[in-house]
Amino acid sequence: MRPRHSDPLMLGQVSSSADTNEGRAVQTGERDVDAANARLKPITVVPVWVASAVAAVLIGVFSPADVYWDHVVLALGGSIVLTFVLQLATSQKDGLVSRTMLSTCGSLVLLAAVTGVFALV
């Protein structure tokens, strides 16, 4: 059954609208989250990368060689926990997976790069 214009929308129904957003048709109830998501990426990703880089350097300088790998794994686990804490603090569900992947994979690459540098030294 199609709702009439005078009938209120029921849960799960979306009405069409003639509004446009940057040249594309928009559904009523749809919002533009690209700007908010773009703003949240550096705020929630860069601190995790910085914490991973600092942890990797501190581990490389102060950790004994026989427990180095254990500490690197703990640093990666800590960066994953920090990632989820920052993502939950933002309370923004749109783009959660991309921000989480970006910060976690960035931390992994940073830890691997610093580990490779210390392995050569």
C-alpha atoms as a PDB file:
ATOM      1  CA  MET A   1       0.000   0.000   0.000  1.00  0.00           C
ATOM      2  CA  ARG A   2       1.456   3.367  -1.018  1.00  0.00           C
ATOM      3  CA  PRO A   3       1.183   6.140   1.516  1.00  0.00           C
ATOM      4  CA  ARG A   4      -0.575   9.295   0.396  1.00  0.00           C
ATOM      5  CA  HIS A   5       1.095  12.677   0.791  1.00  0.00           C
ATOM      6  CA  SER A   6      -1.011  13.430   3.828  1.00  0.00           C
ATOM      7  CA  ASP A   7      -0.125  10.092   5.491  1.00  0.00           C
ATOM      8  CA  PRO A   8       2.955  10.112   7.707  1.00  0.00           C
ATOM      9  CA  LEU A   9       5.799   7.838   6.694  1.00  0.00           C
ATOM     10  CA  MET A  10       6.018   4.559   8.486  1.00  0.00           C
ATOM     11  CA  LEU A  11       9.252   3.111   9.820  1.00  0.00           C
ATOM     12  CA  GLY A  12      11.523   1.993   6.985  1.00  0.00           C
ATOM     13  CA  GLN A  13       9.739   3.969   4.291  1.00  0.00           C
ATOM     14  CA  VAL A  14      11.560   6.668   2.375  1.00  0.00           C
ATOM     15  CA  SER A  15       9.777   9.230   0.284  1.00  0.00           C
ATOM     16  CA  SER A  16      11.256  10.704  -2.850  1.00  0.00           C
ATOM     17  CA  SER A  17      12.095  14.348  -2.953  1.00  0.00           C
ATOM     18  CA  ALA A  18      12.969  16.773  -5.698  1.00  0.00           C
ATOM     19  CA  ASP A  19      15.820  18.185  -3.611  1.00  0.00           C
ATOM     20  CA  THR A  20      19.256  17.894  -5.101  1.00  0.00           C
ATOM     21  CA  ASN A  21      22.605  17.685  -3.421  1.00  0.00           C
ATOM     22  CA  GLU A  22      25.507  18.525  -5.699  1.00  0.00           C
ATOM     23  CA  GLY A  23      23.536  17.623  -8.805  1.00  0.00           C
ATOM     24  CA  ARG A  24      22.153  14.284  -7.654  1.00  0.00           C
ATOM     25  CA  ALA A  25      18.693  13.394  -6.461  1.00  0.00           C
ATOM     26  CA  VAL A  26      18.431  12.904  -2.721  1.00  0.00           C
ATOM     27  CA  GLN A  27      15.953  10.851  -0.762  1.00  0.00           C
ATOM     28  CA  THR A  28      14.215  12.454   2.184  1.00  0.00           C
ATOM     29  CA  GLY A  29      16.064  11.451   5.310  1.00  0.00           C
ATOM     30  CA  GLU A  30      19.376  10.968   3.506  1.00  0.00           C
ATOM     31  CA  ARG A  31      22.204  13.137   4.745  1.00  0.00           C
ATOM     32  CA  ASP A  32      25.515  14.135   3.343  1.00  0.00           C
ATOM     33  CA  VAL A  33      28.174  12.499   5.533  1.00  0.00           C
ATOM     34  CA  ASP A  34      31.183  12.894   3.264  1.00  0.00           C
ATOM     35  CA  ALA A  35      32.251  16.149   4.918  1.00  0.00           C
ATOM     36  CA  ALA A  36      31.939  14.756   8.432  1.00  0.00           C
ATOM     37  CA  ASN A  37      33.738  11.554   7.476  1.00  0.00           C
ATOM     38  CA  ALA A  38      36.565  13.475   5.807  1.00  0.00           C
ATOM     39  CA  ARG A  39      36.941  15.594   8.929  1.00  0.00           C
ATOM     40  CA  LEU A  40      37.035  12.547  11.228  1.00  0.00           C
ATOM     41  CA  LYS A  41      39.666  10.583   9.312  1.00  0.00           C
ATOM     42  CA  PRO A  42      42.739  12.587  10.389  1.00  0.00           C
ATOM     43  CA  ILE A  43      41.398  13.144  13.910  1.00  0.00           C
ATOM     44  CA  THR A  44      40.981   9.425  14.569  1.00  0.00           C
ATOM     45  CA  VAL A  45      43.774   7.982  12.413  1.00  0.00           C
ATOM     46  CA  VAL A  46      46.851  10.159  12.954  1.00  0.00           C
ATOM     47  CA  PRO A  47      47.008   9.743  16.767  1.00  0.00           C
ATOM     48  CA  VAL A  48      47.063   5.964  16.349  1.00  0.00           C
ATOM     49  CA  TRP A  49      49.897   6.203  13.836  1.00  0.00           C
ATOM     50  CA  VAL A  50      51.877   8.529  16.099  1.00  0.00           C
ATOM     51  CA  ALA A  51      51.368   6.241  19.096  1.00  0.00           C
ATOM     52  CA  SER A  52      52.502   3.239  17.026  1.00  0.00           C
ATOM     53  CA  ALA A  53      55.607   5.038  15.779  1.00  0.00           C
ATOM     54  CA  VAL A  54      56.540   6.195  19.288  1.00  0.00           C
ATOM     55  CA  ALA A  55      55.959   2.712  20.701  1.00  0.00           C
ATOM     56  CA  ALA A  56      58.055   1.116  17.941  1.00  0.00           C
ATOM     57  CA  VAL A  57      60.976   3.481  18.526  1.00  0.00           C
ATOM     58  CA  LEU A  58      60.811   3.022  22.310  1.00  0.00           C
ATOM     59  CA  ILE A  59      60.668  -0.751  21.897  1.00  0.00           C
ATOM     60  CA  GLY A  60      63.601  -0.691  19.489  1.00  0.00           C
ATOM     61  CA  VAL A  61      65.734   1.430  21.799  1.00  0.00           C
ATOM     62  CA  PHE A  62      64.905  -0.010  25.219  1.00  0.00           C
ATOM     63  CA  SER A  63      63.760  -3.586  24.596  1.00  0.00           C
ATOM     64  CA  PRO A  64      66.207  -6.496  24.863  1.00  0.00           C
ATOM     65  CA  ALA A  65      66.635  -8.478  21.660  1.00  0.00           C
ATOM     66  CA  ASP A  66      65.119 -11.706  23.026  1.00  0.00           C
ATOM     67  CA  VAL A  67      61.729 -10.102  23.853  1.00  0.00           C
ATOM     68  CA  TYR A  68      61.598  -7.563  21.013  1.00  0.00           C
ATOM     69  CA  TRP A  69      58.933  -9.420  19.021  1.00  0.00           C
ATOM     70  CA  ASP A  70      56.712  -9.831  22.079  1.00  0.00           C
ATOM     71  CA  HIS A  71      56.749  -6.080  22.628  1.00  0.00           C
ATOM     72  CA  VAL A  72      56.030  -5.337  18.965  1.00  0.00           C
ATOM     73  CA  VAL A  73      52.968  -7.592  19.101  1.00  0.00           C
ATOM     74  CA  LEU A  74      51.820  -5.812  22.266  1.00  0.00           C
ATOM     75  CA  ALA A  75      52.303  -2.439  20.551  1.00  0.00           C
ATOM     76  CA  LEU A  76      50.136  -3.584  17.630  1.00  0.00           C
ATOM     77  CA  GLY A  77      47.475  -4.808  20.043  1.00  0.00           C
ATOM     78  CA  GLY A  78      47.599  -1.482  21.850  1.00  0.00           C
ATOM     79  CA  SER A  79      47.172   0.390  18.584  1.00  0.00           C
ATOM     80  CA  ILE A  80      44.108  -1.718  17.753  1.00  0.00           C
ATOM     81  CA  VAL A  81      42.602  -0.953  21.163  1.00  0.00           C
ATOM     82  CA  LEU A  82      43.391   2.760  20.729  1.00  0.00           C
ATOM     83  CA  THR A  83      41.775   2.653  17.296  1.00  0.00           C
ATOM     84  CA  PHE A  84      38.515   1.329  18.689  1.00  0.00           C
ATOM     85  CA  VAL A  85      38.565   3.760  21.616  1.00  0.00           C
ATOM     86  CA  LEU A  86      38.929   6.715  19.249  1.00  0.00           C
ATOM     87  CA  GLN A  87      36.258   5.366  16.898  1.00  0.00           C
ATOM     88  CA  LEU A  88      33.808   4.879  19.753  1.00  0.00           C
ATOM     89  CA  ALA A  89      34.605   8.354  21.081  1.00  0.00           C
ATOM     90  CA  THR A  90      33.567   9.962  17.795  1.00  0.00           C
ATOM     91  CA  SER A  91      30.118   8.292  17.787  1.00  0.00           C
ATOM     92  CA  GLN A  92      30.056   8.434  13.972  1.00  0.00           C
ATOM     93  CA  LYS A  93      29.009   5.168  12.350  1.00  0.00           C
ATOM     94  CA  ASP A  94      29.417   6.290   8.732  1.00  0.00           C
ATOM     95  CA  GLY A  95      32.887   5.371   7.515  1.00  0.00           C
ATOM     96  CA  LEU A  96      33.745   3.370  10.624  1.00  0.00           C
ATOM     97  CA  VAL A  97      35.207   0.450   8.714  1.00  0.00           C
ATOM     98  CA  SER A  98      37.355   2.619   6.442  1.00  0.00           C
ATOM     99  CA  ARG A  99      38.706   4.672   9.358  1.00  0.00           C
ATOM    100  CA  THR A 100      39.397   1.540  11.391  1.00  0.00           C
ATOM    101  CA  MET A 101      41.141  -0.179   8.485  1.00  0.00           C
ATOM    102  CA  LEU A 102      43.182   2.925   7.720  1.00  0.00           C
ATOM    103  CA  SER A 103      44.453   3.363  11.250  1.00  0.00           C
ATOM    104  CA  THR A 104      45.064  -0.345  11.900  1.00  0.00           C
ATOM    105  CA  CYS A 105      46.837  -1.016   8.606  1.00  0.00           C
ATOM    106  CA  GLY A 106      48.852   2.179   8.986  1.00  0.00           C
ATOM    107  CA  SER A 107      49.981   1.058  12.423  1.00  0.00           C
ATOM    108  CA  LEU A 108      50.972  -2.333  11.060  1.00  0.00           C
ATOM    109  CA  VAL A 109      53.005  -0.752   8.257  1.00  0.00           C
ATOM    110  CA  LEU A 110      54.710   1.666  10.676  1.00  0.00           C
ATOM    111  CA  LEU A 111      55.611  -1.105  13.088  1.00  0.00           C
ATOM    112  CA  ALA A 112      56.922  -3.252  10.240  1.00  0.00           C
ATOM    113  CA  ALA A 113      59.011  -0.397   8.844  1.00  0.00           C
ATOM    114  CA  VAL A 114      60.555   0.476  12.194  1.00  0.00           C
ATOM    115  CA  THR A 115      61.170  -3.210  12.880  1.00  0.00           C
ATOM    116  CA  GLY A 116      62.935  -3.518   9.527  1.00  0.00           C
ATOM    117  CA  VAL A 117      65.118  -0.513  10.301  1.00  0.00           C
ATOM    118  CA  PHE A 118      66.090  -1.903  13.689  1.00  0.00           C
ATOM    119  CA  ALA A 119      66.736  -5.334  12.154  1.00  0.00           C
ATOM    120  CA  LEU A 120      69.268  -3.764   9.785  1.00  0.00           C
ATOM    121  CA  VAL A 121      71.004  -1.840  12.555  1.00  0.00           C
END
